[in-house]
PDB file of N, CA and C in Angstrom:
ATOM      1  N   MET A   1      19.100  11.362  30.617  1.00  0.00           N
ATOM      2  CA  MET A   1      18.551  11.883  29.386  1.00  0.00           C
ATOM      3  C   MET A   1      18.844  10.938  28.219  1.00  0.00           C
ATOM      4  N   SER A   2      20.088  10.468  28.117  1.00  0.00           N
ATOM      5  CA  SER A   2      20.438   9.577  27.013  1.00  0.00           C
ATOM      6  C   SER A   2      19.717   8.235  27.141  1.00  0.00           C
ATOM      7  N   GLU A   3      19.398   7.844  28.370  1.00  0.00           N
ATOM      8  CA  GLU A   3      18.657   6.603  28.584  1.00  0.00           C
ATOM      9  C   GLU A   3      17.247   6.721  28.007  1.00  0.00           C
ATOM     10  N   ASN A   4      16.612   7.876  28.207  1.00  0.00           N
ATOM     11  CA  ASN A   4      15.282   8.109  27.653  1.00  0.00           C
ATOM     12  C   ASN A   4      15.321   8.126  26.132  1.00  0.00           C
ATOM     13  N   LEU A   5      16.359   8.726  25.573  1.00  0.00           N
ATOM     14  CA  LEU A   5      16.504   8.768  24.122  1.00  0.00           C
ATOM     15  C   LEU A   5      16.692   7.363  23.565  1.00  0.00           C
ATOM     16  N   LYS A   6      17.486   6.554  24.248  1.00  0.00           N
ATOM     17  CA  LYS A   6      17.706   5.176  23.806  1.00  0.00           C
ATOM     18  C   LYS A   6      16.394   4.395  23.836  1.00  0.00           C
ATOM     19  N   GLU A   7      15.604   4.572  24.913  1.00  0.00           N
ATOM     20  CA  GLU A   7      14.303   3.911  25.002  1.00  0.00           C
ATOM     21  C   GLU A   7      13.396   4.362  23.871  1.00  0.00           C
ATOM     22  N   PHE A   8      13.411   5.667  23.596  1.00  0.00           N
ATOM     23  CA  PHE A   8      12.570   6.238  22.546  1.00  0.00           C
ATOM     24  C   PHE A   8      12.943   5.679  21.176  1.00  0.00           C
ATOM     25  N   MET A   9      14.218   5.489  20.917  1.00  0.00           N
ATOM     26  CA  MET A   9      14.681   4.959  19.636  1.00  0.00           C
ATOM     27  C   MET A   9      14.492   3.450  19.537  1.00  0.00           C
ATOM     28  N   ASP A  10      14.419   2.768  20.662  1.00  0.00           N
ATOM     29  CA  ASP A  10      14.271   1.316  20.663  1.00  0.00           C
ATOM     30  C   ASP A  10      12.864   0.892  20.254  1.00  0.00           C
ATOM     31  N   ILE A  11      11.870   1.735  20.506  1.00  0.00           N
ATOM     32  CA  ILE A  11      10.483   1.370  20.201  1.00  0.00           C
ATOM     33  C   ILE A  11      10.276   1.139  18.701  1.00  0.00           C
ATOM     34  N   PRO A  12      10.658   2.076  17.806  1.00  0.00           N
ATOM     35  CA  PRO A  12      10.471   1.806  16.374  1.00  0.00           C
ATOM     36  C   PRO A  12      11.298   0.618  15.877  1.00  0.00           C
ATOM     37  N   GLN A  13      12.499   0.455  16.422  1.00  0.00           N
ATOM     38  CA  GLN A  13      13.330  -0.674  16.002  1.00  0.00           C
ATOM     39  C   GLN A  13      12.665  -1.994  16.369  1.00  0.00           C
ATOM     40  N   GLN A  14      12.093  -2.068  17.560  1.00  0.00           N
ATOM     41  CA  GLN A  14      11.397  -3.285  17.987  1.00  0.00           C
ATOM     42  C   GLN A  14      10.172  -3.527  17.107  1.00  0.00           C
ATOM     43  N   PHE A  15       9.464  -2.456  16.758  1.00  0.00           N
ATOM     44  CA  PHE A  15       8.292  -2.570  15.894  1.00  0.00           C
ATOM     45  C   PHE A  15       8.675  -3.147  14.533  1.00  0.00           C
ATOM     46  N   VAL A  16       9.737  -2.635  13.943  1.00  0.00           N
ATOM     47  CA  VAL A  16      10.200  -3.130  12.643  1.00  0.00           C
ATOM     48  C   VAL A  16      10.650  -4.579  12.763  1.00  0.00           C
ATOM     49  N   ARG A  17      11.350  -4.915  13.825  1.00  0.00           N
ATOM     50  CA  ARG A  17      11.811  -6.283  14.046  1.00  0.00           C
ATOM     51  C   ARG A  17      10.619  -7.246  14.145  1.00  0.00           C
ATOM     52  N   ASP A  18       9.608  -6.851  14.936  1.00  0.00           N
ATOM     53  CA  ASP A  18       8.421  -7.694  15.073  1.00  0.00           C
ATOM     54  C   ASP A  18       7.675  -7.823  13.749  1.00  0.00           C
ATOM     55  N   GLY A  19       7.611  -6.738  12.991  1.00  0.00           N
ATOM     56  CA  GLY A  19       6.950  -6.776  11.685  1.00  0.00           C
ATOM     57  C   GLY A  19       7.652  -7.721  10.728  1.00  0.00           C
ATOM     58  N   ASN A  20       8.979  -7.688  10.716  1.00  0.00           N
ATOM     59  CA  ASN A  20       9.737  -8.590   9.845  1.00  0.00           C
ATOM     60  C   ASN A  20       9.542 -10.044  10.249  1.00  0.00           C
ATOM     61  N   GLN A  21       9.512 -10.323  11.544  1.00  0.00           N
ATOM     62  CA  GLN A  21       9.268 -11.691  12.002  1.00  0.00           C
ATOM     63  C   GLN A  21       7.886 -12.166  11.567  1.00  0.00           C
ATOM     64  N   PHE A  22       6.891 -11.287  11.664  1.00  0.00           N
ATOM     65  CA  PHE A  22       5.531 -11.646  11.266  1.00  0.00           C
ATOM     66  C   PHE A  22       5.472 -11.967   9.773  1.00  0.00           C
ATOM     67  N   ILE A  23       6.099 -11.131   8.947  1.00  0.00           N
ATOM     68  CA  ILE A  23       6.074 -11.340   7.498  1.00  0.00           C
ATOM     69  C   ILE A  23       6.775 -12.642   7.125  1.00  0.00           C
ATOM     70  N   THR A  24       7.884 -12.961   7.780  1.00  0.00           N
ATOM     71  CA  THR A  24       8.593 -14.191   7.431  1.00  0.00           C
ATOM     72  C   THR A  24       7.819 -15.431   7.869  1.00  0.00           C
ATOM     73  N   ARG A  25       6.973 -15.315   8.887  1.00  0.00           N
ATOM     74  CA  ARG A  25       6.171 -16.468   9.320  1.00  0.00           C
ATOM     75  C   ARG A  25       4.951 -16.696   8.444  1.00  0.00           C
ATOM     76  N   CYS A  26       4.485 -15.650   7.761  1.00  0.00           N
ATOM     77  CA  CYS A  26       3.287 -15.774   6.926  1.00  0.00           C
ATOM     78  C   CYS A  26       3.588 -16.659   5.722  1.00  0.00           C
ATOM     79  N   THR A  27       2.606 -17.465   5.361  1.00  0.00           N
ATOM     80  CA  THR A  27       2.753 -18.312   4.184  1.00  0.00           C
ATOM     81  C   THR A  27       1.580 -18.073   3.248  1.00  0.00           C
ATOM     82  N   LYS A  28       1.823 -18.256   1.981  1.00  0.00           N
ATOM     83  CA  LYS A  28       0.780 -18.107   0.982  1.00  0.00           C
ATOM     84  C   LYS A  28      -0.127 -19.335   1.060  1.00  0.00           C
ATOM     85  N   PRO A  29      -1.460 -19.138   1.064  1.00  0.00           N
ATOM     86  CA  PRO A  29      -2.343 -20.302   1.151  1.00  0.00           C
ATOM     87  C   PRO A  29      -2.276 -21.135  -0.124  1.00  0.00           C
ATOM     88  N   SER A  30      -2.479 -22.423   0.044  1.00  0.00           N
ATOM     89  CA  SER A  30      -2.515 -23.297  -1.122  1.00  0.00           C
ATOM     90  C   SER A  30      -3.820 -23.052  -1.880  1.00  0.00           C
ATOM     91  N   GLN A  31      -3.920 -23.641  -3.057  1.00  0.00           N
ATOM     92  CA  GLN A  31      -5.127 -23.472  -3.869  1.00  0.00           C
ATOM     93  C   GLN A  31      -6.352 -24.004  -3.129  1.00  0.00           C
ATOM     94  N   LYS A  32      -6.191 -25.113  -2.422  1.00  0.00           N
ATOM     95  CA  LYS A  32      -7.301 -25.707  -1.673  1.00  0.00           C
ATOM     96  C   LYS A  32      -7.736 -24.783  -0.527  1.00  0.00           C
ATOM     97  N   GLU A  33      -6.764 -24.256   0.229  1.00  0.00           N
ATOM     98  CA  GLU A  33      -7.090 -23.334   1.324  1.00  0.00           C
ATOM     99  C   GLU A  33      -7.771 -22.076   0.797  1.00  0.00           C
ATOM    100  N   PHE A  34      -7.264 -21.545  -0.308  1.00  0.00           N
ATOM    101  CA  PHE A  34      -7.839 -20.344  -0.900  1.00  0.00           C
ATOM    102  C   PHE A  34      -9.282 -20.587  -1.330  1.00  0.00           C
ATOM    103  N   THR A  35      -9.544 -21.739  -1.935  1.00  0.00           N
ATOM    104  CA  THR A  35     -10.902 -22.085  -2.360  1.00  0.00           C
ATOM    105  C   THR A  35     -11.827 -22.212  -1.159  1.00  0.00           C
ATOM    106  N   GLN A  36     -11.350 -22.830  -0.085  1.00  0.00           N
ATOM    107  CA  GLN A  36     -12.172 -22.960   1.119  1.00  0.00           C
ATOM    108  C   GLN A  36     -12.500 -21.597   1.719  1.00  0.00           C
ATOM    109  N   ILE A  37     -11.529 -20.712   1.761  1.00  0.00           N
ATOM    110  CA  ILE A  37     -11.758 -19.369   2.301  1.00  0.00           C
ATOM    111  C   ILE A  37     -12.778 -18.624   1.440  1.00  0.00           C
ATOM    112  N   CYS A  38     -12.610 -18.687   0.124  1.00  0.00           N
ATOM    113  CA  CYS A  38     -13.553 -18.009  -0.781  1.00  0.00           C
ATOM    114  C   CYS A  38     -14.958 -18.570  -0.628  1.00  0.00           C
ATOM    115  N   ARG A  39     -15.071 -19.873  -0.503  1.00  0.00           N
ATOM    116  CA  ARG A  39     -16.384 -20.500  -0.338  1.00  0.00           C
ATOM    117  C   ARG A  39     -17.029 -20.048   0.971  1.00  0.00           C
ATOM    118  N   ALA A  40     -16.259 -20.016   2.052  1.00  0.00           N
ATOM    119  CA  ALA A  40     -16.797 -19.592   3.348  1.00  0.00           C
ATOM    120  C   ALA A  40     -17.252 -18.135   3.303  1.00  0.00           C
ATOM    121  N   VAL A  41     -16.475 -17.278   2.653  1.00  0.00           N
ATOM    122  CA  VAL A  41     -16.854 -15.868   2.544  1.00  0.00           C
ATOM    123  C   VAL A  41     -18.118 -15.720   1.700  1.00  0.00           C
ATOM    124  N   ALA A  42     -18.209 -16.456   0.597  1.00  0.00           N
ATOM    125  CA  ALA A  42     -19.395 -16.380  -0.263  1.00  0.00           C
ATOM    126  C   ALA A  42     -20.643 -16.856   0.476  1.00  0.00           C
ATOM    127  N   ILE A  43     -20.519 -17.933   1.232  1.00  0.00           N
ATOM    128  CA  ILE A  43     -21.661 -18.426   2.008  1.00  0.00           C
ATOM    129  C   ILE A  43     -22.059 -17.395   3.057  1.00  0.00           C
ATOM    130  N   GLY A  44     -21.082 -16.786   3.710  1.00  0.00           N
ATOM    131  CA  GLY A  44     -21.372 -15.746   4.697  1.00  0.00           C
ATOM    132  C   GLY A  44     -22.102 -14.562   4.083  1.00  0.00           C
ATOM    133  N   PHE A  45     -21.645 -14.117   2.908  1.00  0.00           N
ATOM    134  CA  PHE A  45     -22.331 -13.021   2.222  1.00  0.00           C
ATOM    135  C   PHE A  45     -23.758 -13.415   1.867  1.00  0.00           C
ATOM    136  N   ALA A  46     -23.947 -14.627   1.362  1.00  0.00           N
ATOM    137  CA  ALA A  46     -25.283 -15.077   0.975  1.00  0.00           C
ATOM    138  C   ALA A  46     -26.212 -15.146   2.183  1.00  0.00           C
ATOM    139  N   VAL A  47     -25.731 -15.702   3.280  1.00  0.00           N
ATOM    140  CA  VAL A  47     -26.560 -15.817   4.490  1.00  0.00           C
ATOM    141  C   VAL A  47     -26.920 -14.435   5.016  1.00  0.00           C
ATOM    142  N   MET A  48     -25.941 -13.546   5.113  1.00  0.00           N
ATOM    143  CA  MET A  48     -26.231 -12.204   5.623  1.00  0.00           C
ATOM    144  C   MET A  48     -27.145 -11.439   4.667  1.00  0.00           C
ATOM    145  N   GLY A  49     -26.977 -11.630   3.375  1.00  0.00           N
ATOM    146  CA  GLY A  49     -27.868 -10.995   2.400  1.00  0.00           C
ATOM    147  C   GLY A  49     -29.286 -11.509   2.527  1.00  0.00           C
ATOM    148  N   PHE A  50     -29.439 -12.820   2.705  1.00  0.00           N
ATOM    149  CA  PHE A  50     -30.770 -13.398   2.877  1.00  0.00           C
ATOM    150  C   PHE A  50     -31.420 -12.873   4.147  1.00  0.00           C
ATOM    151  N   ILE A  51     -30.659 -12.809   5.226  1.00  0.00           N
ATOM    152  CA  ILE A  51     -31.204 -12.293   6.491  1.00  0.00           C
ATOM    153  C   ILE A  51     -31.642 -10.837   6.311  1.00  0.00           C
ATOM    154  N   GLY A  52     -30.820 -10.034   5.670  1.00  0.00           N
ATOM    155  CA  GLY A  52     -31.174  -8.633   5.437  1.00  0.00           C
ATOM    156  C   GLY A  52     -32.394  -8.493   4.554  1.00  0.00           C
ATOM    157  N   TYR A  53     -32.469  -9.281   3.486  1.00  0.00           N
ATOM    158  CA  TYR A  53     -33.625  -9.232   2.591  1.00  0.00           C
ATOM    159  C   TYR A  53     -34.880  -9.694   3.316  1.00  0.00           C
ATOM    160  N   PHE A  54     -34.779 -10.798   4.040  1.00  0.00           N
ATOM    161  CA  PHE A  54     -35.928 -11.345   4.762  1.00  0.00           C
ATOM    162  C   PHE A  54     -36.410 -10.350   5.815  1.00  0.00           C
ATOM    163  N   ARG A  55     -35.487  -9.725   6.522  1.00  0.00           N
ATOM    164  CA  ARG A  55     -35.850  -8.763   7.557  1.00  0.00           C
ATOM    165  C   ARG A  55     -36.532  -7.544   6.955  1.00  0.00           C
ATOM    166  N   GLU A  56     -36.034  -7.075   5.813  1.00  0.00           N
ATOM    167  CA  GLU A  56     -36.621  -5.892   5.173  1.00  0.00           C
ATOM    168  C   GLU A  56     -38.009  -6.183   4.630  1.00  0.00           C
ATOM    169  N   THR A  57     -38.187  -7.330   4.014  1.00  0.00           N
ATOM    170  CA  THR A  57     -39.471  -7.617   3.371  1.00  0.00           C
ATOM    171  C   THR A  57     -40.519  -8.114   4.350  1.00  0.00           C
ATOM    172  N   HIS A  58     -40.116  -8.658   5.486  1.00  0.00           N
ATOM    173  CA  HIS A  58     -41.083  -9.245   6.409  1.00  0.00           C
ATOM    174  C   HIS A  58     -41.207  -8.511   7.732  1.00  0.00           C
ATOM    175  N   SER A  59     -40.524  -7.382   7.888  1.00  0.00           N
ATOM    176  CA  SER A  59     -40.655  -6.672   9.160  1.00  0.00           C
ATOM    177  C   SER A  59     -41.785  -5.660   9.042  1.00  0.00           C
ATOM    178  N   HIS A  60     -42.549  -5.546  10.099  1.00  0.00           N
ATOM    179  CA  HIS A  60     -43.688  -4.635  10.108  1.00  0.00           C
ATOM    180  C   HIS A  60     -43.415  -3.414  10.961  1.00  0.00           C
ATOM    181  N   SER A  61     -42.222  -3.295  11.487  1.00  0.00           N
ATOM    182  CA  SER A  61     -41.889  -2.132  12.304  1.00  0.00           C
ATOM    183  C   SER A  61     -40.836  -1.301  11.585  1.00  0.00           C
ATOM    184  N   ASN A  62     -40.719  -0.081  11.996  1.00  0.00           N
ATOM    185  CA  ASN A  62     -39.721   0.809  11.412  1.00  0.00           C
ATOM    186  C   ASN A  62     -38.432   0.826  12.218  1.00  0.00           C
ATOM    187  N   VAL A  63     -38.277  -0.122  13.137  1.00  0.00           N
ATOM    188  CA  VAL A  63     -37.082  -0.191  13.964  1.00  0.00           C
ATOM    189  C   VAL A  63     -35.993  -0.905  13.173  1.00  0.00           C
ATOM    190  N   SER A  64     -34.845  -0.284  13.098  1.00  0.00           N
ATOM    191  CA  SER A  64     -33.734  -0.860  12.364  1.00  0.00           C
ATOM    192  C   SER A  64     -32.700  -1.399  13.347  1.00  0.00           C
ATOM    193  N   ILE A  65     -32.183  -2.585  13.062  1.00  0.00           N
ATOM    194  CA  ILE A  65     -31.164  -3.177  13.924  1.00  0.00           C
ATOM    195  C   ILE A  65     -29.867  -2.377  13.809  1.00  0.00           C
ATOM    196  N   VAL A  66     -29.497  -2.054  12.584  1.00  0.00           N
ATOM    197  CA  VAL A  66     -28.277  -1.295  12.343  1.00  0.00           C
ATOM    198  C   VAL A  66     -28.661  -0.032  11.591  1.00  0.00           C
ATOM    199  N   HIS A  67     -28.227   1.098  12.097  1.00  0.00           N
ATOM    200  CA  HIS A  67     -28.522   2.366  11.436  1.00  0.00           C
ATOM    201  C   HIS A  67     -27.219   2.994  10.992  1.00  0.00           C
ATOM    202  N   ILE A  68     -27.120   3.251   9.704  1.00  0.00           N
ATOM    203  CA  ILE A  68     -25.932   3.892   9.164  1.00  0.00           C
ATOM    204  C   ILE A  68     -26.355   5.272   8.665  1.00  0.00           C
ATOM    205  N   PRO A  69     -25.960   6.320   9.365  1.00  0.00           N
ATOM    206  CA  PRO A  69     -26.366   7.658   8.923  1.00  0.00           C
ATOM    207  C   PRO A  69     -25.651   8.050   7.633  1.00  0.00           C
ATOM    208  N   VAL A  70     -26.400   8.633   6.729  1.00  0.00           N
ATOM    209  CA  VAL A  70     -25.842   9.081   5.460  1.00  0.00           C
ATOM    210  C   VAL A  70     -26.179  10.555   5.310  1.00  0.00           C
ATOM    211  N   ARG A  71     -25.170  11.371   5.125  1.00  0.00           N
ATOM    212  CA  ARG A  71     -25.393  12.799   4.910  1.00  0.00           C
ATOM    213  C   ARG A  71     -25.200  13.095   3.431  1.00  0.00           C
ATOM    214  N   LEU A  72     -26.200  13.689   2.861  1.00  0.00           N
ATOM    215  CA  LEU A  72     -26.111  14.066   1.460  1.00  0.00           C
ATOM    216  C   LEU A  72     -25.632  15.509   1.369  1.00  0.00           C
ATOM    217  N   ALA A  73     -24.708  15.758   0.487  1.00  0.00           N
ATOM    218  CA  ALA A  73     -24.183  17.117   0.323  1.00  0.00           C
ATOM    219  C   ALA A  73     -25.217  17.967  -0.392  1.00  0.00           C
ATOM    220  N   HIS A  74     -25.408  19.166   0.101  1.00  0.00           N
ATOM    221  CA  HIS A  74     -26.374  20.081  -0.528  1.00  0.00           C
ATOM    222  C   HIS A  74     -25.646  21.146  -1.287  1.00  0.00           C
TER     223      HIS A  74
END
């Protein structure tokens, strides 16, 4: 019984230990890295926006690639 309790208590301790190791390994990006990441994200947004706009304005079918259901409250 005490062995099971020890195992049960070891899981959160290991989780916290692994979390602390992860945080200490993380580094803040330099200004150059941050700029590159922002540029890549902006280009990705622009490309996906263009694809979505082009698909909406030039598609002749009512078939949607992605359907997001929206429920309006009555």
